[in-house]
Amino acid sequence: MGELIGGGELRIGTELITESGLRRDVVYGDHKELVEEFQARVKAQHTVPAAAEKIAEQNRALKEENAALKTDLAAERERNKTLTRVAVELSLELEQAKEELTQNADVVRLPGSRTNSPSWQR
């Protein structure tokens, strides 16, 4: 049966049927199961198997998921850049504040609040 679909035996069989002048339904009349099997195999060649369709659908779904993940990743990278800039700026401000404190070391600090505050402050 495989050779028939491939073309080898089918060609020889077809040529013999044509030369003999017989109709195909007469020749294959006693072998309907072979004809049906042959027709089913030919039909199967022109359709996509269910497993292949399932894989194709999974592939489409994974591509969509991948695209969404790429979008999410790009957004996260932008947030990361922003947070990095903020951290650098805060670090610079902290260094400036520390530097100002060391420069102001010669400033005389007033003593802390007294424990006995005057009555007018109560």
PDB file of N, CA and C in Angstrom:
ATOM      1  N   MET A   1       0.832  -1.185   0.000  1.00  0.00           N
ATOM      2  CA  MET A   1       0.000   0.000   0.000  1.00  0.00           C
ATOM      3  C   MET A   1       0.876   1.248   0.000  1.00  0.00           C
ATOM      4  N   GLY A   2       2.014   1.212   0.694  1.00  0.00           N
ATOM      5  CA  GLY A   2       2.894   2.363   0.760  1.00  0.00           C
ATOM      6  C   GLY A   2       3.417   2.753  -0.610  1.00  0.00           C
ATOM      7  N   GLU A   3       3.674   1.761  -1.453  1.00  0.00           N
ATOM      8  CA  GLU A   3       4.200   2.062  -2.780  1.00  0.00           C
ATOM      9  C   GLU A   3       3.147   2.748  -3.635  1.00  0.00           C
ATOM     10  N   LEU A   4       1.895   2.447  -3.351  1.00  0.00           N
ATOM     11  CA  LEU A   4       0.827   3.046  -4.138  1.00  0.00           C
ATOM     12  C   LEU A   4       0.785   4.557  -3.930  1.00  0.00           C
ATOM     13  N   ILE A   5       0.930   4.962  -2.685  1.00  0.00           N
ATOM     14  CA  ILE A   5       0.916   6.394  -2.403  1.00  0.00           C
ATOM     15  C   ILE A   5       2.188   7.031  -2.937  1.00  0.00           C
ATOM     16  N   GLY A   6       3.299   6.342  -2.791  1.00  0.00           N
ATOM     17  CA  GLY A   6       4.572   6.855  -3.284  1.00  0.00           C
ATOM     18  C   GLY A   6       4.580   7.006  -4.793  1.00  0.00           C
ATOM     19  N   GLY A   7       3.788   6.268  -5.484  1.00  0.00           N
ATOM     20  CA  GLY A   7       3.686   6.435  -6.925  1.00  0.00           C
ATOM     21  C   GLY A   7       4.196   5.251  -7.719  1.00  0.00           C
ATOM     22  N   GLY A   8       5.018   4.382  -7.141  1.00  0.00           N
ATOM     23  CA  GLY A   8       5.613   3.273  -7.886  1.00  0.00           C
ATOM     24  C   GLY A   8       4.580   2.305  -8.427  1.00  0.00           C
ATOM     25  N   GLU A   9       3.933   1.591  -7.546  1.00  0.00           N
ATOM     26  CA  GLU A   9       2.968   0.568  -7.962  1.00  0.00           C
ATOM     27  C   GLU A   9       1.691   1.186  -8.527  1.00  0.00           C
ATOM     28  N   LEU A  10       1.348   2.349  -8.028  1.00  0.00           N
ATOM     29  CA  LEU A  10       0.130   3.002  -8.494  1.00  0.00           C
ATOM     30  C   LEU A  10       0.234   3.294  -9.984  1.00  0.00           C
ATOM     31  N   ARG A  11       1.392   3.720 -10.378  1.00  0.00           N
ATOM     32  CA  ARG A  11       1.577   4.049 -11.784  1.00  0.00           C
ATOM     33  C   ARG A  11       1.444   2.801 -12.653  1.00  0.00           C
ATOM     34  N   ILE A  12       2.071   1.720 -12.222  1.00  0.00           N
ATOM     35  CA  ILE A  12       1.992   0.476 -12.985  1.00  0.00           C
ATOM     36  C   ILE A  12       0.555  -0.035 -13.007  1.00  0.00           C
ATOM     37  N   GLY A  13      -0.103   0.006 -11.812  1.00  0.00           N
ATOM     38  CA  GLY A  13      -1.494  -0.454 -11.734  1.00  0.00           C
ATOM     39  C   GLY A  13      -2.409   0.395 -12.585  1.00  0.00           C
ATOM     40  N   THR A  14      -2.226   1.669 -12.558  1.00  0.00           N
ATOM     41  CA  THR A  14      -3.050   2.593 -13.345  1.00  0.00           C
ATOM     42  C   THR A  14      -2.839   2.354 -14.833  1.00  0.00           C
ATOM     43  N   GLU A  15      -1.581   2.150 -15.217  1.00  0.00           N
ATOM     44  CA  GLU A  15      -1.304   1.895 -16.630  1.00  0.00           C
ATOM     45  C   GLU A  15      -1.966   0.599 -17.093  1.00  0.00           C
ATOM     46  N   LEU A  16      -1.901  -0.444 -16.266  1.00  0.00           N
ATOM     47  CA  LEU A  16      -2.542  -1.717 -16.630  1.00  0.00           C
ATOM     48  C   LEU A  16      -4.049  -1.559 -16.751  1.00  0.00           C
ATOM     49  N   ILE A  17      -4.649  -0.826 -15.807  1.00  0.00           N
ATOM     50  CA  ILE A  17      -6.106  -0.613 -15.856  1.00  0.00           C
ATOM     51  C   ILE A  17      -6.470   0.163 -17.113  1.00  0.00           C
ATOM     52  N   THR A  18      -5.680   1.171 -17.422  1.00  0.00           N
ATOM     53  CA  THR A  18      -5.950   1.980 -18.616  1.00  0.00           C
ATOM     54  C   THR A  18      -5.803   1.134 -19.874  1.00  0.00           C
ATOM     55  N   GLU A  19      -4.740   0.332 -19.949  1.00  0.00           N
ATOM     56  CA  GLU A  19      -4.504  -0.512 -21.134  1.00  0.00           C
ATOM     57  C   GLU A  19      -5.611  -1.531 -21.301  1.00  0.00           C
ATOM     58  N   SER A  20      -6.117  -2.056 -20.165  1.00  0.00           N
ATOM     59  CA  SER A  20      -7.140  -3.094 -20.266  1.00  0.00           C
ATOM     60  C   SER A  20      -8.514  -2.511 -20.559  1.00  0.00           C
ATOM     61  N   GLY A  21      -8.665  -1.188 -20.343  1.00  0.00           N
ATOM     62  CA  GLY A  21      -9.948  -0.554 -20.626  1.00  0.00           C
ATOM     63  C   GLY A  21     -10.983  -0.798 -19.543  1.00  0.00           C
ATOM     64  N   LEU A  22     -10.547  -1.320 -18.400  1.00  0.00           N
ATOM     65  CA  LEU A  22     -11.486  -1.562 -17.307  1.00  0.00           C
ATOM     66  C   LEU A  22     -11.690  -0.288 -16.473  1.00  0.00           C
ATOM     67  N   ARG A  23     -12.845  -0.267 -15.849  1.00  0.00           N
ATOM     68  CA  ARG A  23     -13.086   0.828 -14.906  1.00  0.00           C
ATOM     69  C   ARG A  23     -12.463   0.452 -13.558  1.00  0.00           C
ATOM     70  N   ARG A  24     -12.037   1.467 -12.817  1.00  0.00           N
ATOM     71  CA  ARG A  24     -11.368   1.210 -11.522  1.00  0.00           C
ATOM     72  C   ARG A  24     -12.301   0.562 -10.517  1.00  0.00           C
ATOM     73  N   ASP A  25     -13.554   0.992 -10.487  1.00  0.00           N
ATOM     74  CA  ASP A  25     -14.471   0.406  -9.512  1.00  0.00           C
ATOM     75  C   ASP A  25     -14.664  -1.092  -9.757  1.00  0.00           C
ATOM     76  N   VAL A  26     -14.519  -1.529 -11.010  1.00  0.00           N
ATOM     77  CA  VAL A  26     -14.620  -2.954 -11.325  1.00  0.00           C
ATOM     78  C   VAL A  26     -13.369  -3.678 -10.838  1.00  0.00           C
ATOM     79  N   VAL A  27     -12.206  -3.059 -11.063  1.00  0.00           N
ATOM     80  CA  VAL A  27     -10.943  -3.688 -10.682  1.00  0.00           C
ATOM     81  C   VAL A  27     -10.829  -3.796  -9.166  1.00  0.00           C
ATOM     82  N   TYR A  28     -11.177  -2.715  -8.459  1.00  0.00           N
ATOM     83  CA  TYR A  28     -11.004  -2.699  -7.006  1.00  0.00           C
ATOM     84  C   TYR A  28     -12.268  -3.117  -6.253  1.00  0.00           C
ATOM     85  N   GLY A  29     -13.271  -3.518  -6.939  1.00  0.00           N
ATOM     86  CA  GLY A  29     -14.556  -3.865  -6.327  1.00  0.00           C
ATOM     87  C   GLY A  29     -14.459  -4.901  -5.225  1.00  0.00           C
ATOM     88  N   ASP A  30     -13.610  -5.887  -5.379  1.00  0.00           N
ATOM     89  CA  ASP A  30     -13.484  -6.944  -4.372  1.00  0.00           C
ATOM     90  C   ASP A  30     -12.566  -6.538  -3.215  1.00  0.00           C
ATOM     91  N   HIS A  31     -11.923  -5.422  -3.323  1.00  0.00           N
ATOM     92  CA  HIS A  31     -10.944  -5.005  -2.301  1.00  0.00           C
ATOM     93  C   HIS A  31     -11.269  -3.604  -1.767  1.00  0.00           C
ATOM     94  N   LYS A  32     -12.503  -3.425  -1.339  1.00  0.00           N
ATOM     95  CA  LYS A  32     -12.941  -2.118  -0.840  1.00  0.00           C
ATOM     96  C   LYS A  32     -12.123  -1.671   0.370  1.00  0.00           C
ATOM     97  N   GLU A  33     -11.736  -2.610   1.218  1.00  0.00           N
ATOM     98  CA  GLU A  33     -10.959  -2.225   2.406  1.00  0.00           C
ATOM     99  C   GLU A  33      -9.615  -1.616   2.019  1.00  0.00           C
ATOM    100  N   LEU A  34      -9.004  -2.130   0.930  1.00  0.00           N
ATOM    101  CA  LEU A  34      -7.746  -1.549   0.459  1.00  0.00           C
ATOM    102  C   LEU A  34      -7.969  -0.143  -0.109  1.00  0.00           C
ATOM    103  N   VAL A  35      -9.056   0.023  -0.842  1.00  0.00           N
ATOM    104  CA  VAL A  35      -9.379   1.324  -1.418  1.00  0.00           C
ATOM    105  C   VAL A  35      -9.627   2.331  -0.297  1.00  0.00           C
ATOM    106  N   GLU A  36     -10.392   1.927   0.714  1.00  0.00           N
ATOM    107  CA  GLU A  36     -10.693   2.825   1.834  1.00  0.00           C
ATOM    108  C   GLU A  36      -9.426   3.172   2.614  1.00  0.00           C
ATOM    109  N   GLU A  37      -8.562   2.182   2.826  1.00  0.00           N
ATOM    110  CA  GLU A  37      -7.303   2.450   3.526  1.00  0.00           C
ATOM    111  C   GLU A  37      -6.448   3.425   2.724  1.00  0.00           C
ATOM    112  N   PHE A  38      -6.400   3.190   1.406  1.00  0.00           N
ATOM    113  CA  PHE A  38      -5.626   4.070   0.545  1.00  0.00           C
ATOM    114  C   PHE A  38      -6.187   5.492   0.580  1.00  0.00           C
ATOM    115  N   GLN A  39      -7.491   5.628   0.498  1.00  0.00           N
ATOM    116  CA  GLN A  39      -8.116   6.949   0.532  1.00  0.00           C
ATOM    117  C   GLN A  39      -7.871   7.642   1.882  1.00  0.00           C
ATOM    118  N   ALA A  40      -7.924   6.882   2.956  1.00  0.00           N
ATOM    119  CA  ALA A  40      -7.676   7.457   4.287  1.00  0.00           C
ATOM    120  C   ALA A  40      -6.248   7.960   4.412  1.00  0.00           C
ATOM    121  N   ARG A  41      -5.308   7.190   3.877  1.00  0.00           N
ATOM    122  CA  ARG A  41      -3.901   7.607   3.956  1.00  0.00           C
ATOM    123  C   ARG A  41      -3.630   8.839   3.101  1.00  0.00           C
ATOM    124  N   VAL A  42      -4.258   8.897   1.930  1.00  0.00           N
ATOM    125  CA  VAL A  42      -4.098  10.072   1.076  1.00  0.00           C
ATOM    126  C   VAL A  42      -4.701  11.292   1.765  1.00  0.00           C
ATOM    127  N   LYS A  43      -5.867  11.125   2.359  1.00  0.00           N
ATOM    128  CA  LYS A  43      -6.512  12.230   3.062  1.00  0.00           C
ATOM    129  C   LYS A  43      -5.656  12.690   4.244  1.00  0.00           C
ATOM    130  N   ALA A  44      -5.050  11.756   4.942  1.00  0.00           N
ATOM    131  CA  ALA A  44      -4.207  12.085   6.101  1.00  0.00           C
ATOM    132  C   ALA A  44      -2.987  12.903   5.694  1.00  0.00           C
ATOM    133  N   GLN A  45      -2.531  12.738   4.467  1.00  0.00           N
ATOM    134  CA  GLN A  45      -1.378  13.506   3.991  1.00  0.00           C
ATOM    135  C   GLN A  45      -1.716  14.986   3.853  1.00  0.00           C
ATOM    136  N   HIS A  46      -2.975  15.315   3.670  1.00  0.00           N
ATOM    137  CA  HIS A  46      -3.379  16.692   3.420  1.00  0.00           C
ATOM    138  C   HIS A  46      -3.952  17.368   4.661  1.00  0.00           C
ATOM    139  N   THR A  47      -3.920  16.699   5.790  1.00  0.00           N
ATOM    140  CA  THR A  47      -4.408  17.302   7.031  1.00  0.00           C
ATOM    141  C   THR A  47      -3.277  17.323   8.049  1.00  0.00           C
ATOM    142  N   VAL A  48      -3.416  18.222   9.009  1.00  0.00           N
ATOM    143  CA  VAL A  48      -2.426  18.327  10.074  1.00  0.00           C
ATOM    144  C   VAL A  48      -2.887  17.435  11.229  1.00  0.00           C
ATOM    145  N   PRO A  49      -2.031  16.535  11.699  1.00  0.00           N
ATOM    146  CA  PRO A  49      -2.417  15.673  12.812  1.00  0.00           C
ATOM    147  C   PRO A  49      -2.723  16.493  14.070  1.00  0.00           C
ATOM    148  N   ALA A  50      -3.573  15.941  14.920  1.00  0.00           N
ATOM    149  CA  ALA A  50      -3.980  16.633  16.143  1.00  0.00           C
ATOM    150  C   ALA A  50      -2.771  16.960  17.015  1.00  0.00           C
ATOM    151  N   ALA A  51      -1.799  16.058  17.088  1.00  0.00           N
ATOM    152  CA  ALA A  51      -0.606  16.303  17.905  1.00  0.00           C
ATOM    153  C   ALA A  51       0.180  17.496  17.375  1.00  0.00           C
ATOM    154  N   ALA A  52       0.277  17.614  16.064  1.00  0.00           N
ATOM    155  CA  ALA A  52       0.995  18.740  15.462  1.00  0.00           C
ATOM    156  C   ALA A  52       0.239  20.040  15.708  1.00  0.00           C
ATOM    157  N   GLU A  53      -1.088  20.000  15.637  1.00  0.00           N
ATOM    158  CA  GLU A  53      -1.890  21.189  15.927  1.00  0.00           C
ATOM    159  C   GLU A  53      -1.709  21.608  17.380  1.00  0.00           C
ATOM    160  N   LYS A  54      -1.678  20.629  18.284  1.00  0.00           N
ATOM    161  CA  LYS A  54      -1.498  20.923  19.707  1.00  0.00           C
ATOM    162  C   LYS A  54      -0.134  21.586  19.944  1.00  0.00           C
ATOM    163  N   ILE A  55       0.893  21.064  19.300  1.00  0.00           N
ATOM    164  CA  ILE A  55       2.239  21.634  19.442  1.00  0.00           C
ATOM    165  C   ILE A  55       2.274  23.043  18.868  1.00  0.00           C
ATOM    166  N   ALA A  56       1.619  23.244  17.737  1.00  0.00           N
ATOM    167  CA  ALA A  56       1.583  24.577  17.122  1.00  0.00           C
ATOM    168  C   ALA A  56       0.866  25.567  18.041  1.00  0.00           C
ATOM    169  N   GLU A  57      -0.223  25.141  18.665  1.00  0.00           N
ATOM    170  CA  GLU A  57      -0.950  26.014  19.593  1.00  0.00           C
ATOM    171  C   GLU A  57      -0.095  26.326  20.819  1.00  0.00           C
ATOM    172  N   GLN A  58       0.601  25.324  21.346  1.00  0.00           N
ATOM    173  CA  GLN A  58       1.498  25.555  22.478  1.00  0.00           C
ATOM    174  C   GLN A  58       2.604  26.527  22.081  1.00  0.00           C
ATOM    175  N   ASN A  59       3.109  26.384  20.872  1.00  0.00           N
ATOM    176  CA  ASN A  59       4.150  27.279  20.374  1.00  0.00           C
ATOM    177  C   ASN A  59       3.639  28.719  20.310  1.00  0.00           C
ATOM    178  N   ARG A  60       2.417  28.896  19.787  1.00  0.00           N
ATOM    179  CA  ARG A  60       1.828  30.242  19.732  1.00  0.00           C
ATOM    180  C   ARG A  60       1.663  30.816  21.135  1.00  0.00           C
ATOM    181  N   ALA A  61       1.163  29.991  22.067  1.00  0.00           N
ATOM    182  CA  ALA A  61       0.961  30.456  23.438  1.00  0.00           C
ATOM    183  C   ALA A  61       2.291  30.827  24.090  1.00  0.00           C
ATOM    184  N   LEU A  62       3.314  30.031  23.854  1.00  0.00           N
ATOM    185  CA  LEU A  62       4.630  30.322  24.431  1.00  0.00           C
ATOM    186  C   LEU A  62       5.233  31.588  23.825  1.00  0.00           C
ATOM    187  N   LYS A  63       5.009  31.810  22.543  1.00  0.00           N
ATOM    188  CA  LYS A  63       5.502  33.036  21.912  1.00  0.00           C
ATOM    189  C   LYS A  63       4.820  34.267  22.512  1.00  0.00           C
ATOM    190  N   GLU A  64       3.505  34.160  22.746  1.00  0.00           N
ATOM    191  CA  GLU A  64       2.775  35.271  23.366  1.00  0.00           C
ATOM    192  C   GLU A  64       3.284  35.514  24.785  1.00  0.00           C
ATOM    193  N   GLU A  65       3.479  34.431  25.538  1.00  0.00           N
ATOM    194  CA  GLU A  65       3.996  34.558  26.899  1.00  0.00           C
ATOM    195  C   GLU A  65       5.396  35.169  26.886  1.00  0.00           C
ATOM    196  N   ASN A  66       6.216  34.740  25.936  1.00  0.00           N
ATOM    197  CA  ASN A  66       7.575  35.267  25.815  1.00  0.00           C
ATOM    198  C   ASN A  66       7.543  36.766  25.515  1.00  0.00           C
ATOM    199  N   ALA A  67       6.648  37.176  24.635  1.00  0.00           N
ATOM    200  CA  ALA A  67       6.529  38.602  24.311  1.00  0.00           C
ATOM    201  C   ALA A  67       6.109  39.397  25.546  1.00  0.00           C
ATOM    202  N   ALA A  68       5.165  38.867  26.315  1.00  0.00           N
ATOM    203  CA  ALA A  68       4.734  39.548  27.538  1.00  0.00           C
ATOM    204  C   ALA A  68       5.879  39.632  28.541  1.00  0.00           C
ATOM    205  N   LEU A  69       6.643  38.558  28.659  1.00  0.00           N
ATOM    206  CA  LEU A  69       7.780  38.559  29.581  1.00  0.00           C
ATOM    207  C   LEU A  69       8.848  39.561  29.138  1.00  0.00           C
ATOM    208  N   LYS A  70       9.059  39.671  27.835  1.00  0.00           N
ATOM    209  CA  LYS A  70      10.024  40.658  27.336  1.00  0.00           C
ATOM    210  C   LYS A  70       9.581  42.070  27.686  1.00  0.00           C
ATOM    211  N   THR A  71       8.281  42.329  27.557  1.00  0.00           N
ATOM    212  CA  THR A  71       7.744  43.642  27.911  1.00  0.00           C
ATOM    213  C   THR A  71       7.931  43.912  29.396  1.00  0.00           C
ATOM    214  N   ASP A  72       7.617  42.913  30.224  1.00  0.00           N
ATOM    215  CA  ASP A  72       7.801  43.047  31.672  1.00  0.00           C
ATOM    216  C   ASP A  72       9.264  43.282  32.016  1.00  0.00           C
ATOM    217  N   LEU A  73      10.149  42.558  31.359  1.00  0.00           N
ATOM    218  CA  LEU A  73      11.582  42.703  31.619  1.00  0.00           C
ATOM    219  C   LEU A  73      12.055  44.107  31.267  1.00  0.00           C
ATOM    220  N   ALA A  74      11.586  44.630  30.145  1.00  0.00           N
ATOM    221  CA  ALA A  74      11.977  45.982  29.746  1.00  0.00           C
ATOM    222  C   ALA A  74      11.504  46.999  30.785  1.00  0.00           C
ATOM    223  N   ALA A  75      10.278  46.822  31.286  1.00  0.00           N
ATOM    224  CA  ALA A  75       9.754  47.737  32.311  1.00  0.00           C
ATOM    225  C   ALA A  75      10.576  47.630  33.593  1.00  0.00           C
ATOM    226  N   GLU A  76      10.926  46.416  33.993  1.00  0.00           N
ATOM    227  CA  GLU A  76      11.746  46.218  35.195  1.00  0.00           C
ATOM    228  C   GLU A  76      13.121  46.840  35.025  1.00  0.00           C
ATOM    229  N   ARG A  77      13.684  46.747  33.848  1.00  0.00           N
ATOM    230  CA  ARG A  77      14.997  47.347  33.606  1.00  0.00           C
ATOM    231  C   ARG A  77      14.921  48.871  33.726  1.00  0.00           C
ATOM    232  N   GLU A  78      13.836  49.453  33.244  1.00  0.00           N
ATOM    233  CA  GLU A  78      13.664  50.902  33.378  1.00  0.00           C
ATOM    234  C   GLU A  78      13.534  51.291  34.849  1.00  0.00           C
ATOM    235  N   ARG A  79      12.746  50.512  35.607  1.00  0.00           N
ATOM    236  CA  ARG A  79      12.620  50.793  37.047  1.00  0.00           C
ATOM    237  C   ARG A  79      13.967  50.659  37.733  1.00  0.00           C
ATOM    238  N   ASN A  80      14.721  49.654  37.345  1.00  0.00           N
ATOM    239  CA  ASN A  80      16.046  49.434  37.930  1.00  0.00           C
ATOM    240  C   ASN A  80      16.964  50.628  37.649  1.00  0.00           C
ATOM    241  N   LYS A  81      16.924  51.140  36.417  1.00  0.00           N
ATOM    242  CA  LYS A  81      17.735  52.308  36.073  1.00  0.00           C
ATOM    243  C   LYS A  81      17.338  53.509  36.937  1.00  0.00           C
ATOM    244  N   THR A  82      16.033  53.701  37.094  1.00  0.00           N
ATOM    245  CA  THR A  82      15.551  54.829  37.895  1.00  0.00           C
ATOM    246  C   THR A  82      16.002  54.688  39.340  1.00  0.00           C
ATOM    247  N   LEU A  83      15.831  53.505  39.902  1.00  0.00           N
ATOM    248  CA  LEU A  83      16.239  53.287  41.292  1.00  0.00           C
ATOM    249  C   LEU A  83      17.747  53.444  41.461  1.00  0.00           C
ATOM    250  N   THR A  84      18.512  53.042  40.477  1.00  0.00           N
ATOM    251  CA  THR A  84      19.973  53.201  40.537  1.00  0.00           C
ATOM    252  C   THR A  84      20.327  54.684  40.556  1.00  0.00           C
ATOM    253  N   ARG A  85      19.665  55.451  39.700  1.00  0.00           N
ATOM    254  CA  ARG A  85      19.927  56.904  39.684  1.00  0.00           C
ATOM    255  C   ARG A  85      19.564  57.536  41.024  1.00  0.00           C
ATOM    256  N   VAL A  86      18.439  57.128  41.599  1.00  0.00           N
ATOM    257  CA  VAL A  86      18.017  57.666  42.897  1.00  0.00           C
ATOM    258  C   VAL A  86      19.034  57.297  43.970  1.00  0.00           C
ATOM    259  N   ALA A  87      19.488  56.054  43.981  1.00  0.00           N
ATOM    260  CA  ALA A  87      20.461  55.609  44.983  1.00  0.00           C
ATOM    261  C   ALA A  87      21.769  56.387  44.851  1.00  0.00           C
ATOM    262  N   VAL A  88      22.213  56.629  43.630  1.00  0.00           N
ATOM    263  CA  VAL A  88      23.447  57.389  43.419  1.00  0.00           C
ATOM    264  C   VAL A  88      23.270  58.816  43.918  1.00  0.00           C
ATOM    265  N   GLU A  89      22.134  59.412  43.592  1.00  0.00           N
ATOM    266  CA  GLU A  89      21.885  60.789  44.032  1.00  0.00           C
ATOM    267  C   GLU A  89      21.830  60.886  45.551  1.00  0.00           C
ATOM    268  N   LEU A  90      21.150  59.942  46.195  1.00  0.00           N
ATOM    269  CA  LEU A  90      21.085  59.942  47.659  1.00  0.00           C
ATOM    270  C   LEU A  90      22.462  59.719  48.271  1.00  0.00           C
ATOM    271  N   SER A  91      23.245  58.881  47.660  1.00  0.00           N
ATOM    272  CA  SER A  91      24.605  58.639  48.145  1.00  0.00           C
ATOM    273  C   SER A  91      25.437  59.916  48.069  1.00  0.00           C
ATOM    274  N   LEU A  92      25.296  60.642  46.962  1.00  0.00           N
ATOM    275  CA  LEU A  92      26.022  61.913  46.816  1.00  0.00           C
ATOM    276  C   LEU A  92      25.556  62.925  47.865  1.00  0.00           C
ATOM    277  N   GLU A  93      24.257  63.001  48.092  1.00  0.00           N
ATOM    278  CA  GLU A  93      23.733  63.922  49.103  1.00  0.00           C
ATOM    279  C   GLU A  93      24.248  63.567  50.491  1.00  0.00           C
ATOM    280  N   LEU A  94      24.310  62.267  50.776  1.00  0.00           N
ATOM    281  CA  LEU A  94      24.828  61.828  52.071  1.00  0.00           C
ATOM    282  C   LEU A  94      26.289  62.243  52.232  1.00  0.00           C
ATOM    283  N   GLU A  95      27.071  62.064  51.194  1.00  0.00           N
ATOM    284  CA  GLU A  95      28.480  62.459  51.252  1.00  0.00           C
ATOM    285  C   GLU A  95      28.607  63.967  51.456  1.00  0.00           C
ATOM    286  N   GLN A  96      27.769  64.740  50.783  1.00  0.00           N
ATOM    287  CA  GLN A  96      27.798  66.189  50.950  1.00  0.00           C
ATOM    288  C   GLN A  96      27.425  66.589  52.380  1.00  0.00           C
ATOM    289  N   ALA A  97      26.421  65.940  52.938  1.00  0.00           N
ATOM    290  CA  ALA A  97      26.003  66.236  54.314  1.00  0.00           C
ATOM    291  C   ALA A  97      27.118  65.903  55.293  1.00  0.00           C
ATOM    292  N   LYS A  98      27.795  64.761  55.088  1.00  0.00           N
ATOM    293  CA  LYS A  98      28.914  64.396  55.966  1.00  0.00           C
ATOM    294  C   LYS A  98      30.032  65.429  55.865  1.00  0.00           C
ATOM    295  N   GLU A  99      30.286  65.890  54.644  1.00  0.00           N
ATOM    296  CA  GLU A  99      31.344  66.879  54.425  1.00  0.00           C
ATOM    297  C   GLU A  99      30.994  68.197  55.110  1.00  0.00           C
ATOM    298  N   GLU A 100      29.735  68.599  55.025  1.00  0.00           N
ATOM    299  CA  GLU A 100      29.299  69.826  55.689  1.00  0.00           C
ATOM    300  C   GLU A 100      29.452  69.707  57.201  1.00  0.00           C
ATOM    301  N   LEU A 101      29.170  68.549  57.751  1.00  0.00           N
ATOM    302  CA  LEU A 101      29.312  68.346  59.196  1.00  0.00           C
ATOM    303  C   LEU A 101      30.774  68.470  59.626  1.00  0.00           C
ATOM    304  N   THR A 102      31.672  67.934  58.833  1.00  0.00           N
ATOM    305  CA  THR A 102      33.089  68.025  59.206  1.00  0.00           C
ATOM    306  C   THR A 102      33.593  69.450  59.042  1.00  0.00           C
ATOM    307  N   GLN A 103      33.051  70.188  58.083  1.00  0.00           N
ATOM    308  CA  GLN A 103      33.459  71.579  57.892  1.00  0.00           C
ATOM    309  C   GLN A 103      32.936  72.466  59.021  1.00  0.00           C
ATOM    310  N   ASN A 104      31.816  72.088  59.592  1.00  0.00           N
ATOM    311  CA  ASN A 104      31.210  72.869  60.659  1.00  0.00           C
ATOM    312  C   ASN A 104      31.645  72.385  62.036  1.00  0.00           C
ATOM    313  N   ALA A 105      32.734  71.671  62.103  1.00  0.00           N
ATOM    314  CA  ALA A 105      33.208  71.146  63.375  1.00  0.00           C
ATOM    315  C   ALA A 105      33.656  72.263  64.303  1.00  0.00           C
ATOM    316  N   ASP A 106      34.066  73.401  63.768  1.00  0.00           N
ATOM    317  CA  ASP A 106      34.533  74.480  64.613  1.00  0.00           C
ATOM    318  C   ASP A 106      33.390  75.325  65.171  1.00  0.00           C
ATOM    319  N   VAL A 107      32.168  75.026  64.821  1.00  0.00           N
ATOM    320  CA  VAL A 107      31.010  75.739  65.354  1.00  0.00           C
ATOM    321  C   VAL A 107      30.767  75.272  66.783  1.00  0.00           C
ATOM    322  N   VAL A 108      30.548  76.215  67.656  1.00  0.00           N
ATOM    323  CA  VAL A 108      30.295  75.889  69.070  1.00  0.00           C
ATOM    324  C   VAL A 108      28.839  75.485  69.199  1.00  0.00           C
ATOM    325  N   ARG A 109      28.647  74.356  69.756  1.00  0.00           N
ATOM    326  CA  ARG A 109      27.287  73.863  69.931  1.00  0.00           C
ATOM    327  C   ARG A 109      26.761  74.304  71.295  1.00  0.00           C
ATOM    328  N   LEU A 110      25.532  74.642  71.307  1.00  0.00           N
ATOM    329  CA  LEU A 110      24.886  75.037  72.550  1.00  0.00           C
ATOM    330  C   LEU A 110      24.562  73.791  73.355  1.00  0.00           C
ATOM    331  N   PRO A 111      24.585  73.962  74.670  1.00  0.00           N
ATOM    332  CA  PRO A 111      24.254  72.798  75.490  1.00  0.00           C
ATOM    333  C   PRO A 111      22.799  72.392  75.282  1.00  0.00           C
ATOM    334  N   GLY A 112      22.498  71.164  75.598  1.00  0.00           N
ATOM    335  CA  GLY A 112      21.148  70.636  75.447  1.00  0.00           C
ATOM    336  C   GLY A 112      20.185  71.343  76.379  1.00  0.00           C
ATOM    337  N   SER A 113      18.945  71.028  76.306  1.00  0.00           N
ATOM    338  CA  SER A 113      17.933  71.695  77.128  1.00  0.00           C
ATOM    339  C   SER A 113      18.182  71.414  78.604  1.00  0.00           C
ATOM    340  N   ARG A 114      17.802  72.403  79.444  1.00  0.00           N
ATOM    341  CA  ARG A 114      17.975  72.244  80.886  1.00  0.00           C
ATOM    342  C   ARG A 114      16.828  71.427  81.432  1.00  0.00           C
ATOM    343  N   THR A 115      17.150  70.750  82.483  1.00  0.00           N
ATOM    344  CA  THR A 115      16.097  69.959  83.122  1.00  0.00           C
ATOM    345  C   THR A 115      15.146  70.840  83.896  1.00  0.00           C
ATOM    346  N   ASN A 116      15.662  71.920  84.459  1.00  0.00           N
ATOM    347  CA  ASN A 116      14.804  72.869  85.178  1.00  0.00           C
ATOM    348  C   ASN A 116      14.523  74.053  84.266  1.00  0.00           C
ATOM    349  N   SER A 117      13.473  73.971  83.519  1.00  0.00           N
ATOM    350  CA  SER A 117      13.156  75.081  82.617  1.00  0.00           C
ATOM    351  C   SER A 117      12.384  76.131  83.377  1.00  0.00           C
ATOM    352  N   PRO A 118      12.508  77.392  82.991  1.00  0.00           N
ATOM    353  CA  PRO A 118      11.812  78.476  83.688  1.00  0.00           C
ATOM    354  C   PRO A 118      10.296  78.293  83.598  1.00  0.00           C
ATOM    355  N   SER A 119       9.606  78.906  84.504  1.00  0.00           N
ATOM    356  CA  SER A 119       8.152  78.714  84.590  1.00  0.00           C
ATOM    357  C   SER A 119       7.443  79.266  83.378  1.00  0.00           C
ATOM    358  N   TRP A 120       7.978  80.283  82.739  1.00  0.00           N
ATOM    359  CA  TRP A 120       7.295  80.869  81.588  1.00  0.00           C
ATOM    360  C   TRP A 120       7.335  79.959  80.363  1.00  0.00           C
ATOM    361  N   GLN A 121       8.226  78.931  80.360  1.00  0.00           N
ATOM    362  CA  GLN A 121       8.299  77.993  79.226  1.00  0.00           C
ATOM    363  C   GLN A 121       7.394  76.787  79.406  1.00  0.00           C
ATOM    364  N   ARG A 122       6.819  76.665  80.570  1.00  0.00           N
ATOM    365  CA  ARG A 122       5.993  75.481  80.824  1.00  0.00           C
ATOM    366  C   ARG A 122       4.671  75.530  80.212  1.00  0.00           C
TER     367      ARG A 122
END
